[in-house]
C-alpha atoms as a PDB file:
ATOM      1  CA  UNK A   1       5.986 -26.414 -10.230  1.00  0.00           C
ATOM      2  CA  UNK A   2       4.532 -25.631 -13.105  1.00  0.00           C
ATOM      3  CA  UNK A   3       0.819 -25.269 -12.701  1.00  0.00           C
ATOM      4  CA  UNK A   4      -1.486 -25.062 -15.877  1.00  0.00           C
ATOM      5  CA  UNK A   5      -5.231 -24.054 -15.154  1.00  0.00           C
ATOM      6  CA  UNK A   6      -7.941 -24.010 -17.647  1.00  0.00           C
ATOM      7  CA  UNK A   7     -10.952 -22.086 -16.673  1.00  0.00           C
ATOM      8  CA  UNK A   8     -14.284 -22.545 -18.738  1.00  0.00           C
ATOM      9  CA  UNK A   9     -16.570 -20.608 -16.621  1.00  0.00           C
ATOM     10  CA  UNK A  10     -17.579 -17.066 -16.114  1.00  0.00           C
ATOM     11  CA  UNK A  11     -19.631 -17.905 -13.040  1.00  0.00           C
ATOM     12  CA  UNK A  12     -18.659 -15.378 -10.752  1.00  0.00           C
ATOM     13  CA  UNK A  13     -17.951 -17.184  -7.613  1.00  0.00           C
ATOM     14  CA  UNK A  14     -16.287 -20.070  -9.619  1.00  0.00           C
ATOM     15  CA  UNK A  15     -14.119 -17.927 -11.767  1.00  0.00           C
ATOM     16  CA  UNK A  16     -12.997 -15.640  -8.980  1.00  0.00           C
ATOM     17  CA  UNK A  17     -11.950 -18.797  -6.950  1.00  0.00           C
ATOM     18  CA  UNK A  18      -9.934 -19.967 -10.064  1.00  0.00           C
ATOM     19  CA  UNK A  19      -8.274 -16.692 -10.103  1.00  0.00           C
ATOM     20  CA  UNK A  20      -7.593 -16.461  -6.607  1.00  0.00           C
ATOM     21  CA  UNK A  21      -5.997 -20.123  -6.661  1.00  0.00           C
ATOM     22  CA  UNK A  22      -3.615 -18.959  -9.661  1.00  0.00           C
ATOM     23  CA  UNK A  23      -2.818 -15.877  -7.754  1.00  0.00           C
ATOM     24  CA  UNK A  24      -1.747 -17.700  -4.641  1.00  0.00           C
ATOM     25  CA  UNK A  25       0.323 -20.297  -6.509  1.00  0.00           C
ATOM     26  CA  UNK A  26       1.793 -17.683  -8.177  1.00  0.00           C
ATOM     27  CA  UNK A  27       2.815 -16.007  -5.343  1.00  0.00           C
ATOM     28  CA  UNK A  28       3.974 -19.097  -3.536  1.00  0.00           C
ATOM     29  CA  UNK A  29       6.446 -19.324  -6.437  1.00  0.00           C
ATOM     30  CA  UNK A  30       4.938 -21.736  -8.802  1.00  0.00           C
ATOM     31  CA  UNK A  31       5.195 -20.835 -12.496  1.00  0.00           C
ATOM     32  CA  UNK A  32       1.346 -20.536 -13.496  1.00  0.00           C
ATOM     33  CA  UNK A  33      -0.283 -20.225 -16.994  1.00  0.00           C
ATOM     34  CA  UNK A  34      -4.235 -20.062 -17.502  1.00  0.00           C
ATOM     35  CA  UNK A  35      -6.171 -20.733 -20.386  1.00  0.00           C
ATOM     36  CA  UNK A  36      -9.556 -19.328 -20.968  1.00  0.00           C
ATOM     37  CA  UNK A  37     -11.699 -21.440 -22.998  1.00  0.00           C
ATOM     38  CA  UNK A  38     -15.439 -21.222 -23.741  1.00  0.00           C
ATOM     39  CA  UNK A  39     -17.552 -18.509 -21.833  1.00  0.00           C
ATOM     40  CA  UNK A  40     -14.550 -17.979 -19.625  1.00  0.00           C
ATOM     41  CA  UNK A  41     -13.005 -15.707 -22.305  1.00  0.00           C
ATOM     42  CA  UNK A  42     -15.378 -13.051 -20.830  1.00  0.00           C
ATOM     43  CA  UNK A  43     -13.655 -12.910 -17.608  1.00  0.00           C
ATOM     44  CA  UNK A  44     -11.739  -9.879 -18.425  1.00  0.00           C
ATOM     45  CA  UNK A  45     -13.803  -7.092 -17.109  1.00  0.00           C
ATOM     46  CA  UNK A  46     -16.271  -9.231 -15.028  1.00  0.00           C
ATOM     47  CA  UNK A  47     -17.364  -7.840 -11.811  1.00  0.00           C
ATOM     48  CA  UNK A  48     -19.624  -8.300  -8.994  1.00  0.00           C
ATOM     49  CA  UNK A  49     -20.334  -6.779  -5.889  1.00  0.00           C
ATOM     50  CA  UNK A  50     -18.938  -9.925  -4.053  1.00  0.00           C
ATOM     51  CA  UNK A  51     -16.803 -11.847  -6.595  1.00  0.00           C
ATOM     52  CA  UNK A  52     -14.423  -9.176  -8.710  1.00  0.00           C
ATOM     53  CA  UNK A  53     -13.095 -11.663 -11.431  1.00  0.00           C
ATOM     54  CA  UNK A  54     -11.453  -8.686 -13.093  1.00  0.00           C
ATOM     55  CA  UNK A  55      -9.648  -7.733  -9.979  1.00  0.00           C
ATOM     56  CA  UNK A  56      -8.068 -11.285  -9.472  1.00  0.00           C
ATOM     57  CA  UNK A  57      -7.555 -11.886 -12.824  1.00  0.00           C
ATOM     58  CA  UNK A  58      -5.183  -8.411 -12.827  1.00  0.00           C
ATOM     59  CA  UNK A  59      -3.925  -9.422  -9.310  1.00  0.00           C
ATOM     60  CA  UNK A  60      -2.511 -12.321 -11.330  1.00  0.00           C
ATOM     61  CA  UNK A  61      -1.085 -10.661 -14.270  1.00  0.00           C
ATOM     62  CA  UNK A  62       0.863  -8.497 -11.679  1.00  0.00           C
ATOM     63  CA  UNK A  63       2.018 -11.437  -9.974  1.00  0.00           C
ATOM     64  CA  UNK A  64       3.584 -12.299 -12.897  1.00  0.00           C
ATOM     65  CA  UNK A  65       1.056 -15.111 -14.371  1.00  0.00           C
ATOM     66  CA  UNK A  66       0.438 -15.561 -17.887  1.00  0.00           C
ATOM     67  CA  UNK A  67      -3.244 -16.051 -19.628  1.00  0.00           C
ATOM     68  CA  UNK A  68      -3.557 -17.259 -22.973  1.00  0.00           C
ATOM     69  CA  UNK A  69      -7.410 -17.105 -24.287  1.00  0.00           C
ATOM     70  CA  UNK A  70      -8.865 -19.387 -27.215  1.00  0.00           C
ATOM     71  CA  UNK A  71      -9.154 -17.626 -30.063  1.00  0.00           C
ATOM     72  CA  UNK A  72     -12.141 -19.202 -31.628  1.00  0.00           C
ATOM     73  CA  UNK A  73     -13.918 -18.476 -28.412  1.00  0.00           C
ATOM     74  CA  UNK A  74     -13.206 -14.654 -28.313  1.00  0.00           C
ATOM     75  CA  UNK A  75     -14.097 -14.542 -32.081  1.00  0.00           C
ATOM     76  CA  UNK A  76     -17.339 -16.280 -31.680  1.00  0.00           C
ATOM     77  CA  UNK A  77     -18.090 -13.484 -29.212  1.00  0.00           C
ATOM     78  CA  UNK A  78     -16.809 -10.663 -31.314  1.00  0.00           C
ATOM     79  CA  UNK A  79     -14.557  -9.937 -28.361  1.00  0.00           C
ATOM     80  CA  UNK A  80     -11.178  -9.582 -30.548  1.00  0.00           C
ATOM     81  CA  UNK A  81     -10.645  -5.916 -29.931  1.00  0.00           C
ATOM     82  CA  UNK A  82     -11.675  -5.753 -26.635  1.00  0.00           C
ATOM     83  CA  UNK A  83      -9.115  -8.212 -24.948  1.00  0.00           C
ATOM     84  CA  UNK A  84      -6.120  -6.309 -22.819  1.00  0.00           C
ATOM     85  CA  UNK A  85      -4.503  -9.008 -20.841  1.00  0.00           C
ATOM     86  CA  UNK A  86      -5.732 -12.147 -22.818  1.00  0.00           C
ATOM     87  CA  UNK A  87      -3.690 -12.675 -26.022  1.00  0.00           C
ATOM     88  CA  UNK A  88      -5.794 -14.635 -28.659  1.00  0.00           C
ATOM     89  CA  UNK A  89      -4.547 -18.250 -28.804  1.00  0.00           C
ATOM     90  CA  UNK A  90      -4.789 -21.400 -30.346  1.00  0.00           C
ATOM     91  CA  UNK A  91      -5.911 -25.094 -29.218  1.00  0.00           C
ATOM     92  CA  UNK A  92      -2.162 -25.754 -30.032  1.00  0.00           C
ATOM     93  CA  UNK A  93      -1.105 -23.155 -27.182  1.00  0.00           C
ATOM     94  CA  UNK A  94      -3.727 -24.901 -24.784  1.00  0.00           C
ATOM     95  CA  UNK A  95      -2.297 -28.151 -25.390  1.00  0.00           C
ATOM     96  CA  UNK A  96       1.327 -26.813 -24.793  1.00  0.00           C
ATOM     97  CA  UNK A  97       0.371 -25.645 -21.423  1.00  0.00           C
ATOM     98  CA  UNK A  98      -0.852 -28.928 -20.700  1.00  0.00           C
ATOM     99  CA  UNK A  99       2.430 -30.556 -21.869  1.00  0.00           C
ATOM    100  CA  UNK A 100       4.363 -27.917 -20.099  1.00  0.00           C
ATOM    101  CA  UNK A 101       2.548 -28.057 -16.497  1.00  0.00           C
ATOM    102  CA  UNK A 102       3.542 -30.697 -13.884  1.00  0.00           C
ATOM    103  CA  UNK A 103      -0.017 -30.320 -12.838  1.00  0.00           C
ATOM    104  CA  UNK A 104      -3.257 -28.866 -14.719  1.00  0.00           C
ATOM    105  CA  UNK A 105      -6.539 -27.894 -12.970  1.00  0.00           C
ATOM    106  CA  UNK A 106      -9.503 -27.006 -14.439  1.00  0.00           C
ATOM    107  CA  UNK A 107     -12.378 -24.996 -13.170  1.00  0.00           C
END
């Protein structure tokens, strides 16, 4: 199954669970794409003693998942040069993820 995940939060536990879901789905053999929007574009590098979002994000990429991030959201936070695993994308890309997916989940 193709699963699209839209993440709109950088709240530690919610974002951590979203990426755990993405990792689990990918490891089960599903094709998974994540689109980061709003404050979620700040998930890369986000760590907490209990909820290491960045570690789960990188586990997702290592498992073969794809991450896209809203370019407008990135630019409004002046993060253009600090993103390693999240290429700058557009709303067209977000729509394409939803159209591509059999199921879409939001966090």
